[in-house]
PDB file of N, CA and C in Angstrom:
ATOM      1  N   MET A   1      55.716  75.435 102.682  1.00  0.00           N
ATOM      2  CA  MET A   1      55.635  76.840 102.347  1.00  0.00           C
ATOM      3  C   MET A   1      56.437  77.693 103.336  1.00  0.00           C
ATOM      4  N   HIS A   2      56.350  77.301 104.610  1.00  0.00           N
ATOM      5  CA  HIS A   2      57.087  78.036 105.641  1.00  0.00           C
ATOM      6  C   HIS A   2      58.603  77.922 105.406  1.00  0.00           C
ATOM      7  N   ARG A   3      59.051  76.743 104.968  1.00  0.00           N
ATOM      8  CA  ARG A   3      60.465  76.511 104.691  1.00  0.00           C
ATOM      9  C   ARG A   3      60.930  77.384 103.529  1.00  0.00           C
ATOM     10  N   LEU A   4      60.135  77.506 102.495  1.00  0.00           N
ATOM     11  CA  LEU A   4      60.462  78.341 101.344  1.00  0.00           C
ATOM     12  C   LEU A   4      60.568  79.802 101.752  1.00  0.00           C
ATOM     13  N   ALA A   5      59.669  80.263 102.585  1.00  0.00           N
ATOM     14  CA  ALA A   5      59.709  81.648 103.062  1.00  0.00           C
ATOM     15  C   ALA A   5      60.985  81.901 103.861  1.00  0.00           C
ATOM     16  N   SER A   6      61.404  80.947 104.663  1.00  0.00           N
ATOM     17  CA  SER A   6      62.636  81.084 105.440  1.00  0.00           C
ATOM     18  C   SER A   6      63.850  81.198 104.528  1.00  0.00           C
ATOM     19  N   ILE A   7      63.888  80.383 103.495  1.00  0.00           N
ATOM     20  CA  ILE A   7      65.003  80.419 102.549  1.00  0.00           C
ATOM     21  C   ILE A   7      65.045  81.754 101.824  1.00  0.00           C
ATOM     22  N   ILE A   8      63.903  82.257 101.434  1.00  0.00           N
ATOM     23  CA  ILE A   8      63.842  83.535 100.720  1.00  0.00           C
ATOM     24  C   ILE A   8      64.363  84.666 101.593  1.00  0.00           C
ATOM     25  N   VAL A   9      64.154  84.610 102.880  1.00  0.00           N
ATOM     26  CA  VAL A   9      64.622  85.653 103.792  1.00  0.00           C
ATOM     27  C   VAL A   9      66.109  85.485 104.109  1.00  0.00           C
ATOM     28  N   VAL A  10      66.573  84.281 104.338  1.00  0.00           N
ATOM     29  CA  VAL A  10      67.934  84.030 104.798  1.00  0.00           C
ATOM     30  C   VAL A  10      68.975  84.189 103.694  1.00  0.00           C
ATOM     31  N   VAL A  11      68.728  83.715 102.505  1.00  0.00           N
ATOM     32  CA  VAL A  11      69.715  83.747 101.423  1.00  0.00           C
ATOM     33  C   VAL A  11      70.173  85.167 101.100  1.00  0.00           C
ATOM     34  N   PRO A  12      69.285  86.143 100.927  1.00  0.00           N
ATOM     35  CA  PRO A  12      69.780  87.501 100.664  1.00  0.00           C
ATOM     36  C   PRO A  12      70.601  88.069 101.815  1.00  0.00           C
ATOM     37  N   LEU A  13      70.294  87.702 103.037  1.00  0.00           N
ATOM     38  CA  LEU A  13      71.066  88.200 104.172  1.00  0.00           C
ATOM     39  C   LEU A  13      72.489  87.662 104.167  1.00  0.00           C
ATOM     40  N   THR A  14      72.695  86.444 103.747  1.00  0.00           N
ATOM     41  CA  THR A  14      74.056  85.911 103.680  1.00  0.00           C
ATOM     42  C   THR A  14      74.868  86.625 102.611  1.00  0.00           C
ATOM     43  N   ALA A  15      74.243  87.029 101.546  1.00  0.00           N
ATOM     44  CA  ALA A  15      74.943  87.789 100.504  1.00  0.00           C
ATOM     45  C   ALA A  15      75.386  89.136 101.040  1.00  0.00           C
ATOM     46  N   CYS A  16      74.553  89.798 101.822  1.00  0.00           N
ATOM     47  CA  CYS A  16      74.918  91.084 102.415  1.00  0.00           C
ATOM     48  C   CYS A  16      76.079  90.917 103.380  1.00  0.00           C
ATOM     49  N   SER A  17      76.086  89.844 104.120  1.00  0.00           N
ATOM     50  CA  SER A  17      77.139  89.591 105.085  1.00  0.00           C
ATOM     51  C   SER A  17      78.495  89.499 104.402  1.00  0.00           C
ATOM     52  N   SER A  18      78.613  88.726 103.346  1.00  0.00           N
ATOM     53  CA  SER A  18      79.902  88.592 102.667  1.00  0.00           C
ATOM     54  C   SER A  18      80.301  89.889 101.974  1.00  0.00           C
ATOM     55  N   PHE A  19      79.338  90.664 101.510  1.00  0.00           N
ATOM     56  CA  PHE A  19      79.636  91.947 100.884  1.00  0.00           C
ATOM     57  C   PHE A  19      80.229  92.903 101.908  1.00  0.00           C
ATOM     58  N   LEU A  20      79.649  92.971 103.092  1.00  0.00           N
ATOM     59  CA  LEU A  20      80.141  93.884 104.118  1.00  0.00           C
ATOM     60  C   LEU A  20      81.536  93.502 104.591  1.00  0.00           C
ATOM     61  N   GLU A  21      81.838  92.216 104.633  1.00  0.00           N
ATOM     62  CA  GLU A  21      83.169  91.781 105.040  1.00  0.00           C
ATOM     63  C   GLU A  21      84.228  92.149 104.013  1.00  0.00           C
ATOM     64  N   SER A  22      83.852  92.309 102.763  1.00  0.00           N
ATOM     65  CA  SER A  22      84.829  92.604 101.720  1.00  0.00           C
ATOM     66  C   SER A  22      85.114  94.096 101.568  1.00  0.00           C
ATOM     67  N   LEU A  23      84.362  94.950 102.253  1.00  0.00           N
ATOM     68  CA  LEU A  23      84.618  96.384 102.175  1.00  0.00           C
ATOM     69  C   LEU A  23      85.956  96.698 102.833  1.00  0.00           C
ATOM     70  N   PRO A  24      86.748  97.623 102.258  1.00  0.00           N
ATOM     71  CA  PRO A  24      88.032  97.960 102.874  1.00  0.00           C
ATOM     72  C   PRO A  24      87.816  98.658 104.210  1.00  0.00           C
ATOM     73  N   GLU A  25      88.735  98.402 105.139  1.00  0.00           N
ATOM     74  CA  GLU A  25      88.615  99.055 106.431  1.00  0.00           C
ATOM     75  C   GLU A  25      89.065 100.505 106.318  1.00  0.00           C
ATOM     76  N   PRO A  26      88.592 101.381 107.203  1.00  0.00           N
ATOM     77  CA  PRO A  26      89.008 102.779 107.140  1.00  0.00           C
ATOM     78  C   PRO A  26      90.513 102.887 107.398  1.00  0.00           C
ATOM     79  N   PRO A  27      91.165 103.918 106.846  1.00  0.00           N
ATOM     80  CA  PRO A  27      92.622 104.001 106.925  1.00  0.00           C
ATOM     81  C   PRO A  27      93.184 104.223 108.325  1.00  0.00           C
ATOM     82  N   GLY A  28      92.400 104.665 109.261  1.00  0.00           N
ATOM     83  CA  GLY A  28      92.911 104.878 110.608  1.00  0.00           C
ATOM     84  C   GLY A  28      93.766 106.129 110.687  1.00  0.00           C
ATOM     85  N   GLN A  29      94.480 106.256 111.793  1.00  0.00           N
ATOM     86  CA  GLN A  29      95.289 107.444 112.040  1.00  0.00           C
ATOM     87  C   GLN A  29      96.508 107.453 111.118  1.00  0.00           C
ATOM     88  N   THR A  30      96.784 108.614 110.539  1.00  0.00           N
ATOM     89  CA  THR A  30      97.912 108.774 109.625  1.00  0.00           C
ATOM     90  C   THR A  30      99.223 108.842 110.404  1.00  0.00           C
ATOM     91  N   PRO A  31     100.223 108.055 110.026  1.00  0.00           N
ATOM     92  CA  PRO A  31     101.523 108.163 110.697  1.00  0.00           C
ATOM     93  C   PRO A  31     102.220 109.455 110.275  1.00  0.00           C
ATOM     94  N   THR A  32     103.136 109.928 111.099  1.00  0.00           N
ATOM     95  CA  THR A  32     103.941 111.096 110.738  1.00  0.00           C
ATOM     96  C   THR A  32     105.390 110.648 110.569  1.00  0.00           C
ATOM     97  N   ILE A  33     106.126 111.387 109.758  1.00  0.00           N
ATOM     98  CA  ILE A  33     107.548 111.080 109.559  1.00  0.00           C
ATOM     99  C   ILE A  33     108.285 111.197 110.892  1.00  0.00           C
ATOM    100  N   GLU A  34     107.947 112.226 111.666  1.00  0.00           N
ATOM    101  CA  GLU A  34     108.612 112.439 112.954  1.00  0.00           C
ATOM    102  C   GLU A  34     108.422 111.235 113.872  1.00  0.00           C
ATOM    103  N   ALA A  35     107.201 110.733 113.955  1.00  0.00           N
ATOM    104  CA  ALA A  35     106.926 109.584 114.827  1.00  0.00           C
ATOM    105  C   ALA A  35     107.532 108.296 114.272  1.00  0.00           C
ATOM    106  N   ALA A  36     107.721 108.230 112.967  1.00  0.00           N
ATOM    107  CA  ALA A  36     108.234 107.013 112.328  1.00  0.00           C
ATOM    108  C   ALA A  36     109.752 107.014 112.169  1.00  0.00           C
ATOM    109  N   THR A  37     110.438 108.067 112.597  1.00  0.00           N
ATOM    110  CA  THR A  37     111.880 108.187 112.369  1.00  0.00           C
ATOM    111  C   THR A  37     112.659 106.990 112.911  1.00  0.00           C
ATOM    112  N   ALA A  38     112.336 106.529 114.097  1.00  0.00           N
ATOM    113  CA  ALA A  38     113.058 105.377 114.665  1.00  0.00           C
ATOM    114  C   ALA A  38     112.860 104.136 113.792  1.00  0.00           C
ATOM    115  N   ASP A  39     111.632 103.909 113.330  1.00  0.00           N
ATOM    116  CA  ASP A  39     111.361 102.774 112.432  1.00  0.00           C
ATOM    117  C   ASP A  39     112.150 102.919 111.136  1.00  0.00           C
ATOM    118  N   LEU A  40     112.141 104.120 110.577  1.00  0.00           N
ATOM    119  CA  LEU A  40     112.824 104.372 109.309  1.00  0.00           C
ATOM    120  C   LEU A  40     114.320 104.084 109.432  1.00  0.00           C
ATOM    121  N   LYS A  41     114.927 104.544 110.504  1.00  0.00           N
ATOM    122  CA  LYS A  41     116.361 104.321 110.700  1.00  0.00           C
ATOM    123  C   LYS A  41     116.663 102.848 110.964  1.00  0.00           C
ATOM    124  N   ARG A  42     115.792 102.177 111.703  1.00  0.00           N
ATOM    125  CA  ARG A  42     115.997 100.753 111.978  1.00  0.00           C
ATOM    126  C   ARG A  42     115.924  99.935 110.689  1.00  0.00           C
ATOM    127  N   ILE A  43     114.909 100.213 109.863  1.00  0.00           N
ATOM    128  CA  ILE A  43     114.766  99.488 108.594  1.00  0.00           C
ATOM    129  C   ILE A  43     115.940  99.812 107.670  1.00  0.00           C
ATOM    130  N   ALA A  44     116.358 101.081 107.638  1.00  0.00           N
ATOM    131  CA  ALA A  44     117.509 101.460 106.808  1.00  0.00           C
ATOM    132  C   ALA A  44     118.742 100.657 107.208  1.00  0.00           C
ATOM    133  N   GLY A  45     118.941 100.477 108.504  1.00  0.00           N
ATOM    134  CA  GLY A  45     120.062  99.670 108.973  1.00  0.00           C
ATOM    135  C   GLY A  45     119.931  98.208 108.576  1.00  0.00           C
ATOM    136  N   GLU A  46     118.718  97.669 108.699  1.00  0.00           N
ATOM    137  CA  GLU A  46     118.489  96.259 108.361  1.00  0.00           C
ATOM    138  C   GLU A  46     118.735  95.965 106.884  1.00  0.00           C
ATOM    139  N   VAL A  47     118.348  96.910 106.009  1.00  0.00           N
ATOM    140  CA  VAL A  47     118.514  96.676 104.566  1.00  0.00           C
ATOM    141  C   VAL A  47     119.806  97.304 104.035  1.00  0.00           C
ATOM    142  N   LYS A  48     120.592  97.863 104.952  1.00  0.00           N
ATOM    143  CA  LYS A  48     121.907  98.427 104.649  1.00  0.00           C
ATOM    144  C   LYS A  48     121.854  99.639 103.721  1.00  0.00           C
ATOM    145  N   LEU A  49     120.868 100.513 103.944  1.00  0.00           N
ATOM    146  CA  LEU A  49     120.838 101.792 103.236  1.00  0.00           C
ATOM    147  C   LEU A  49     121.832 102.727 103.910  1.00  0.00           C
ATOM    148  N   ILE A  50     122.624 103.419 103.110  1.00  0.00           N
ATOM    149  CA  ILE A  50     123.647 104.327 103.617  1.00  0.00           C
ATOM    150  C   ILE A  50     123.064 105.733 103.721  1.00  0.00           C
ATOM    151  N   GLU A  51     123.380 106.429 104.825  1.00  0.00           N
ATOM    152  CA  GLU A  51     122.940 107.819 104.967  1.00  0.00           C
ATOM    153  C   GLU A  51     123.711 108.683 103.986  1.00  0.00           C
ATOM    154  N   PRO A  52     123.151 109.806 103.555  1.00  0.00           N
ATOM    155  CA  PRO A  52     121.898 110.427 103.982  1.00  0.00           C
ATOM    156  C   PRO A  52     120.676 109.718 103.398  1.00  0.00           C
ATOM    157  N   LEU A  53     119.592 109.767 104.170  1.00  0.00           N
ATOM    158  CA  LEU A  53     118.342 109.121 103.790  1.00  0.00           C
ATOM    159  C   LEU A  53     117.300 110.155 103.408  1.00  0.00           C
ATOM    160  N   GLU A  54     116.401 109.738 102.530  1.00  0.00           N
ATOM    161  CA  GLU A  54     115.262 110.572 102.139  1.00  0.00           C
ATOM    162  C   GLU A  54     113.978 109.780 102.345  1.00  0.00           C
ATOM    163  N   VAL A  55     112.894 110.523 102.619  1.00  0.00           N
ATOM    164  CA  VAL A  55     111.589 109.897 102.835  1.00  0.00           C
ATOM    165  C   VAL A  55     110.524 110.624 102.030  1.00  0.00           C
ATOM    166  N   ALA A  56     109.436 109.920 101.795  1.00  0.00           N
ATOM    167  CA  ALA A  56     108.261 110.512 101.149  1.00  0.00           C
ATOM    168  C   ALA A  56     107.027 109.912 101.810  1.00  0.00           C
ATOM    169  N   GLY A  57     106.016 110.722 101.905  1.00  0.00           N
ATOM    170  CA  GLY A  57     104.749 110.237 102.453  1.00  0.00           C
ATOM    171  C   GLY A  57     104.441 110.883 103.779  1.00  0.00           C
ATOM    172  N   PRO A  58     103.510 110.334 104.454  1.00  0.00           N
ATOM    173  CA  PRO A  58     102.788 109.101 104.183  1.00  0.00           C
ATOM    174  C   PRO A  58     101.782 109.260 103.034  1.00  0.00           C
ATOM    175  N   ILE A  59     101.599 108.171 102.307  1.00  0.00           N
ATOM    176  CA  ILE A  59     100.597 108.139 101.242  1.00  0.00           C
ATOM    177  C   ILE A  59      99.645 106.978 101.518  1.00  0.00           C
ATOM    178  N   GLN A  60      98.420 107.113 101.041  1.00  0.00           N
ATOM    179  CA  GLN A  60      97.459 106.026 101.225  1.00  0.00           C
ATOM    180  C   GLN A  60      97.814 104.866 100.309  1.00  0.00           C
ATOM    181  N   ALA A  61      97.819 103.682 100.869  1.00  0.00           N
ATOM    182  CA  ALA A  61      98.123 102.468 100.107  1.00  0.00           C
ATOM    183  C   ALA A  61      96.895 102.023  99.328  1.00  0.00           C
ATOM    184  N   GLU A  62      97.135 101.193  98.340  1.00  0.00           N
ATOM    185  CA  GLU A  62      96.033 100.580  97.602  1.00  0.00           C
ATOM    186  C   GLU A  62      95.240  99.686  98.558  1.00  0.00           C
ATOM    187  N   PRO A  63      93.940  99.546  98.342  1.00  0.00           N
ATOM    188  CA  PRO A  63      93.113  98.753  99.273  1.00  0.00           C
ATOM    189  C   PRO A  63      93.574  97.310  99.475  1.00  0.00           C
ATOM    190  N   ALA A  64      94.230  96.712  98.511  1.00  0.00           N
ATOM    191  CA  ALA A  64      94.646  95.308  98.640  1.00  0.00           C
ATOM    192  C   ALA A  64      95.953  95.138  99.406  1.00  0.00           C
ATOM    193  N   THR A  65      96.514  96.211  99.916  1.00  0.00           N
ATOM    194  CA  THR A  65      97.801  96.145 100.602  1.00  0.00           C
ATOM    195  C   THR A  65      97.631  95.719 102.057  1.00  0.00           C
ATOM    196  N   VAL A  66      98.751  95.407 102.712  1.00  0.00           N
ATOM    197  CA  VAL A  66      98.714  94.907 104.087  1.00  0.00           C
ATOM    198  C   VAL A  66      98.300  95.955 105.111  1.00  0.00           C
ATOM    199  N   ALA A  67      98.496  97.220 104.798  1.00  0.00           N
ATOM    200  CA  ALA A  67      98.166  98.305 105.726  1.00  0.00           C
ATOM    201  C   ALA A  67      97.763  99.534 104.915  1.00  0.00           C
ATOM    202  N   PRO A  68      97.026 100.453 105.528  1.00  0.00           N
ATOM    203  CA  PRO A  68      96.490 101.578 104.759  1.00  0.00           C
ATOM    204  C   PRO A  68      97.460 102.725 104.456  1.00  0.00           C
ATOM    205  N   TRP A  69      98.624 102.775 105.096  1.00  0.00           N
ATOM    206  CA  TRP A  69      99.551 103.891 104.885  1.00  0.00           C
ATOM    207  C   TRP A  69     100.936 103.389 104.511  1.00  0.00           C
ATOM    208  N   ILE A  70     101.614 104.152 103.641  1.00  0.00           N
ATOM    209  CA  ILE A  70     102.980 103.825 103.216  1.00  0.00           C
ATOM    210  C   ILE A  70     103.862 105.045 103.440  1.00  0.00           C
ATOM    211  N   ILE A  71     105.053 104.807 103.982  1.00  0.00           N
ATOM    212  CA  ILE A  71     106.117 105.810 103.995  1.00  0.00           C
ATOM    213  C   ILE A  71     107.248 105.213 103.163  1.00  0.00           C
ATOM    214  N   CYS A  72     107.750 105.988 102.210  1.00  0.00           N
ATOM    215  CA  CYS A  72     108.791 105.520 101.290  1.00  0.00           C
ATOM    216  C   CYS A  72     110.158 105.975 101.797  1.00  0.00           C
ATOM    217  N   LEU A  73     111.172 105.144 101.627  1.00  0.00           N
ATOM    218  CA  LEU A  73     112.507 105.400 102.154  1.00  0.00           C
ATOM    219  C   LEU A  73     113.554 105.036 101.110  1.00  0.00           C
ATOM    220  N   ARG A  74     114.569 105.913 100.965  1.00  0.00           N
ATOM    221  CA  ARG A  74     115.685 105.619 100.062  1.00  0.00           C
ATOM    222  C   ARG A  74     116.937 106.342 100.546  1.00  0.00           C
ATOM    223  N   SER A  75     118.085 105.936 100.001  1.00  0.00           N
ATOM    224  CA  SER A  75     119.361 106.571 100.292  1.00  0.00           C
ATOM    225  C   SER A  75     119.713 107.508  99.143  1.00  0.00           C
ATOM    226  N   THR A  76     120.405 108.598  99.473  1.00  0.00           N
ATOM    227  CA  THR A  76     120.899 109.492  98.418  1.00  0.00           C
ATOM    228  C   THR A  76     122.399 109.317  98.209  1.00  0.00           C
ATOM    229  N   SER A  77     122.973 108.326  98.860  1.00  0.00           N
ATOM    230  CA  SER A  77     124.398 108.072  98.722  1.00  0.00           C
ATOM    231  C   SER A  77     124.720 107.689  97.280  1.00  0.00           C
ATOM    232  N   PRO A  78     125.787 108.279  96.704  1.00  0.00           N
ATOM    233  CA  PRO A  78     126.155 107.919  95.330  1.00  0.00           C
ATOM    234  C   PRO A  78     126.636 106.468  95.220  1.00  0.00           C
ATOM    235  N   ASP A  79     126.974 105.847  96.353  1.00  0.00           N
ATOM    236  CA  ASP A  79     127.429 104.458  96.349  1.00  0.00           C
ATOM    237  C   ASP A  79     126.283 103.453  96.226  1.00  0.00           C
ATOM    238  N   GLN A  80     125.059 103.929  96.310  1.00  0.00           N
ATOM    239  CA  GLN A  80     123.911 103.022  96.239  1.00  0.00           C
ATOM    240  C   GLN A  80     123.001 103.421  95.096  1.00  0.00           C
ATOM    241  N   SER A  81     122.417 102.411  94.484  1.00  0.00           N
ATOM    242  CA  SER A  81     121.409 102.709  93.463  1.00  0.00           C
ATOM    243  C   SER A  81     120.171 103.250  94.173  1.00  0.00           C
ATOM    244  N   ARG A  82     119.253 103.763  93.426  1.00  0.00           N
ATOM    245  CA  ARG A  82     118.041 104.357  94.010  1.00  0.00           C
ATOM    246  C   ARG A  82     117.034 103.289  94.432  1.00  0.00           C
ATOM    247  N   GLN A  83     117.461 102.391  95.291  1.00  0.00           N
ATOM    248  CA  GLN A  83     116.535 101.398  95.824  1.00  0.00           C
ATOM    249  C   GLN A  83     115.582 102.093  96.780  1.00  0.00           C
ATOM    250  N   ILE A  84     114.309 101.835  96.602  1.00  0.00           N
ATOM    251  CA  ILE A  84     113.288 102.452  97.452  1.00  0.00           C
ATOM    252  C   ILE A  84     112.595 101.349  98.238  1.00  0.00           C
ATOM    253  N   TYR A  85     112.398 101.611  99.513  1.00  0.00           N
ATOM    254  CA  TYR A  85     111.700 100.676 100.383  1.00  0.00           C
ATOM    255  C   TYR A  85     110.380 101.290 100.825  1.00  0.00           C
ATOM    256  N   ALA A  86     109.383 100.445 100.967  1.00  0.00           N
ATOM    257  CA  ALA A  86     108.058 100.865 101.416  1.00  0.00           C
ATOM    258  C   ALA A  86     107.836 100.321 102.823  1.00  0.00           C
ATOM    259  N   LEU A  87     107.478 101.222 103.734  1.00  0.00           N
ATOM    260  CA  LEU A  87     107.145 100.830 105.101  1.00  0.00           C
ATOM    261  C   LEU A  87     105.645 100.998 105.262  1.00  0.00           C
ATOM    262  N   PHE A  88     104.978  99.965 105.720  1.00  0.00           N
ATOM    263  CA  PHE A  88     103.519  99.952 105.799  1.00  0.00           C
ATOM    264  C   PHE A  88     103.068 100.169 107.237  1.00  0.00           C
ATOM    265  N   TYR A  89     102.144 101.111 107.400  1.00  0.00           N
ATOM    266  CA  TYR A  89     101.652 101.487 108.729  1.00  0.00           C
ATOM    267  C   TYR A  89     100.147 101.315 108.838  1.00  0.00           C
ATOM    268  N   ARG A  90      99.727 100.890 110.027  1.00  0.00           N
ATOM    269  CA  ARG A  90      98.308 100.855 110.391  1.00  0.00           C
ATOM    270  C   ARG A  90      98.206 101.536 111.753  1.00  0.00           C
ATOM    271  N   ASP A  91      97.405 102.609 111.813  1.00  0.00           N
ATOM    272  CA  ASP A  91      97.226 103.353 113.071  1.00  0.00           C
ATOM    273  C   ASP A  91      98.560 103.703 113.719  1.00  0.00           C
ATOM    274  N   THR A  92      99.449 104.289 112.967  1.00  0.00           N
ATOM    275  CA  THR A  92     100.772 104.765 113.384  1.00  0.00           C
ATOM    276  C   THR A  92     101.725 103.649 113.817  1.00  0.00           C
ATOM    277  N   LYS A  93     101.391 102.402 113.607  1.00  0.00           N
ATOM    278  CA  LYS A  93     102.257 101.275 113.966  1.00  0.00           C
ATOM    279  C   LYS A  93     102.812 100.629 112.690  1.00  0.00           C
ATOM    280  N   LEU A  94     104.123 100.391 112.685  1.00  0.00           N
ATOM    281  CA  LEU A  94     104.752  99.711 111.554  1.00  0.00           C
ATOM    282  C   LEU A  94     104.264  98.270 111.495  1.00  0.00           C
ATOM    283  N   VAL A  95     103.717  97.886 110.339  1.00  0.00           N
ATOM    284  CA  VAL A  95     103.195  96.533 110.150  1.00  0.00           C
ATOM    285  C   VAL A  95     104.207  95.675 109.400  1.00  0.00           C
ATOM    286  N   SER A  96     104.800  96.239 108.342  1.00  0.00           N
ATOM    287  CA  SER A  96     105.789  95.496 107.562  1.00  0.00           C
ATOM    288  C   SER A  96     106.561  96.462 106.676  1.00  0.00           C
ATOM    289  N   SER A  97     107.609  95.945 106.052  1.00  0.00           N
ATOM    290  CA  SER A  97     108.383  96.738 105.093  1.00  0.00           C
ATOM    291  C   SER A  97     108.909  95.791 104.029  1.00  0.00           C
ATOM    292  N   ARG A  98     109.187  96.369 102.863  1.00  0.00           N
ATOM    293  CA  ARG A  98     109.727  95.578 101.752  1.00  0.00           C
ATOM    294  C   ARG A  98     110.256  96.527 100.692  1.00  0.00           C
ATOM    295  N   PHE A  99     110.966  95.947  99.716  1.00  0.00           N
ATOM    296  CA  PHE A  99     111.391  96.709  98.554  1.00  0.00           C
ATOM    297  C   PHE A  99     110.131  97.242  97.876  1.00  0.00           C
ATOM    298  N   ALA A 100     110.088  98.519  97.541  1.00  0.00           N
ATOM    299  CA  ALA A 100     108.879  99.128  96.978  1.00  0.00           C
ATOM    300  C   ALA A 100     108.526  98.521  95.624  1.00  0.00           C
ATOM    301  N   ALA A 101     107.247  98.305  95.429  1.00  0.00           N
ATOM    302  CA  ALA A 101     106.718  97.796  94.161  1.00  0.00           C
ATOM    303  C   ALA A 101     106.047  98.942  93.408  1.00  0.00           C
ATOM    304  N   ILE A 102     105.788  98.748  92.143  1.00  0.00           N
ATOM    305  CA  ILE A 102     105.145  99.788  91.327  1.00  0.00           C
ATOM    306  C   ILE A 102     103.825 100.221  91.937  1.00  0.00           C
ATOM    307  N   VAL A 103     103.055  99.271  92.453  1.00  0.00           N
ATOM    308  CA  VAL A 103     101.741  99.580  93.022  1.00  0.00           C
ATOM    309  C   VAL A 103     101.845 100.520  94.232  1.00  0.00           C
ATOM    310  N   ASP A 104     103.006 100.574  94.886  1.00  0.00           N
ATOM    311  CA  ASP A 104     103.186 101.458  96.045  1.00  0.00           C
ATOM    312  C   ASP A 104     103.305 102.926  95.652  1.00  0.00           C
ATOM    313  N   ARG A 105     103.669 103.204  94.406  1.00  0.00           N
ATOM    314  CA  ARG A 105     103.787 104.557  93.863  1.00  0.00           C
ATOM    315  C   ARG A 105     104.884 105.397  94.539  1.00  0.00           C
ATOM    316  N   CYS A 106     105.857 104.758  95.160  1.00  0.00           N
ATOM    317  CA  CYS A 106     106.934 105.499  95.823  1.00  0.00           C
ATOM    318  C   CYS A 106     107.766 106.306  94.830  1.00  0.00           C
ATOM    319  N   GLU A 107     108.044 105.728  93.658  1.00  0.00           N
ATOM    320  CA  GLU A 107     108.900 106.419  92.687  1.00  0.00           C
ATOM    321  C   GLU A 107     108.264 107.700  92.159  1.00  0.00           C
ATOM    322  N   LEU A 108     106.961 107.876  92.359  1.00  0.00           N
ATOM    323  CA  LEU A 108     106.262 109.083  91.903  1.00  0.00           C
ATOM    324  C   LEU A 108     106.222 110.181  92.960  1.00  0.00           C
ATOM    325  N   GLN A 109     106.715 109.893  94.156  1.00  0.00           N
ATOM    326  CA  GLN A 109     106.602 110.825  95.275  1.00  0.00           C
ATOM    327  C   GLN A 109     107.765 111.815  95.302  1.00  0.00           C
ATOM    328  N   SER A 110     107.544 112.923  95.994  1.00  0.00           N
ATOM    329  CA  SER A 110     108.598 113.911  96.234  1.00  0.00           C
ATOM    330  C   SER A 110     109.280 113.565  97.554  1.00  0.00           C
ATOM    331  N   PHE A 111     110.566 113.302  97.489  1.00  0.00           N
ATOM    332  CA  PHE A 111     111.322 112.917  98.677  1.00  0.00           C
ATOM    333  C   PHE A 111     111.958 114.136  99.331  1.00  0.00           C
ATOM    334  N   VAL A 112     112.103 114.070 100.646  1.00  0.00           N
ATOM    335  CA  VAL A 112     112.773 115.108 101.429  1.00  0.00           C
ATOM    336  C   VAL A 112     113.780 114.421 102.347  1.00  0.00           C
ATOM    337  N   PRO A 113     114.813 115.157 102.782  1.00  0.00           N
ATOM    338  CA  PRO A 113     115.797 114.541 103.679  1.00  0.00           C
ATOM    339  C   PRO A 113     115.153 114.100 104.996  1.00  0.00           C
ATOM    340  N   LEU A 114     115.583 112.947 105.489  1.00  0.00           N
ATOM    341  CA  LEU A 114     115.130 112.475 106.799  1.00  0.00           C
ATOM    342  C   LEU A 114     115.955 113.193 107.850  1.00  0.00           C
ATOM    343  N   GLN A 115     115.294 113.907 108.711  1.00  0.00           N
ATOM    344  CA  GLN A 115     115.986 114.637 109.775  1.00  0.00           C
ATOM    345  C   GLN A 115     116.496 113.646 110.807  1.00  0.00           C
ATOM    346  N   SER A 116     117.633 113.965 111.390  1.00  0.00           N
ATOM    347  CA  SER A 116     118.263 113.035 112.331  1.00  0.00           C
ATOM    348  C   SER A 116     117.514 112.932 113.645  1.00  0.00           C
ATOM    349  N   GLY A 117     116.718 113.936 113.969  1.00  0.00           N
ATOM    350  CA  GLY A 117     116.009 113.913 115.241  1.00  0.00           C
ATOM    351  C   GLY A 117     116.837 114.504 116.368  1.00  0.00           C
ATOM    352  N   ARG A 118     118.111 114.837 116.083  1.00  0.00           N
ATOM    353  CA  ARG A 118     118.977 115.444 117.100  1.00  0.00           C
ATOM    354  C   ARG A 118     118.878 116.953 117.007  1.00  0.00           C
ATOM    355  N   ARG A 119     118.918 117.582 118.142  1.00  0.00           N
ATOM    356  CA  ARG A 119     118.920 119.051 118.183  1.00  0.00           C
ATOM    357  C   ARG A 119     120.305 119.510 118.627  1.00  0.00           C
ATOM    358  N   ASP A 120     120.889 120.426 117.863  1.00  0.00           N
ATOM    359  CA  ASP A 120     122.243 120.907 118.196  1.00  0.00           C
ATOM    360  C   ASP A 120     122.186 122.126 119.080  1.00  0.00           C
TER     361      ASP A 120
END
């Protein structure tokens, strides 16, 4: 009887444990375009995006994504198609980047020119 009582108490607790682990983590600190400018320019160089560049975001990513924030990046050069890249951030740190997917919602965003960061 004592063994049955132990099982009745322990089994529901294990279910709660796995449920709590599956909850999405909080989004953390939102990155800013100004703070991400160096990352944006570095990624643009790596994927060979031609200036002038445009950015959108940050926007909250879908819960199943690698990081909670996305900044979208594209070139406005007529020599390039409108390829959009998604940069993923967690607590203002770049986690990864890739060609934007539909789930990222980059194509629905309003883009603005990426400022060079230089003051004349």
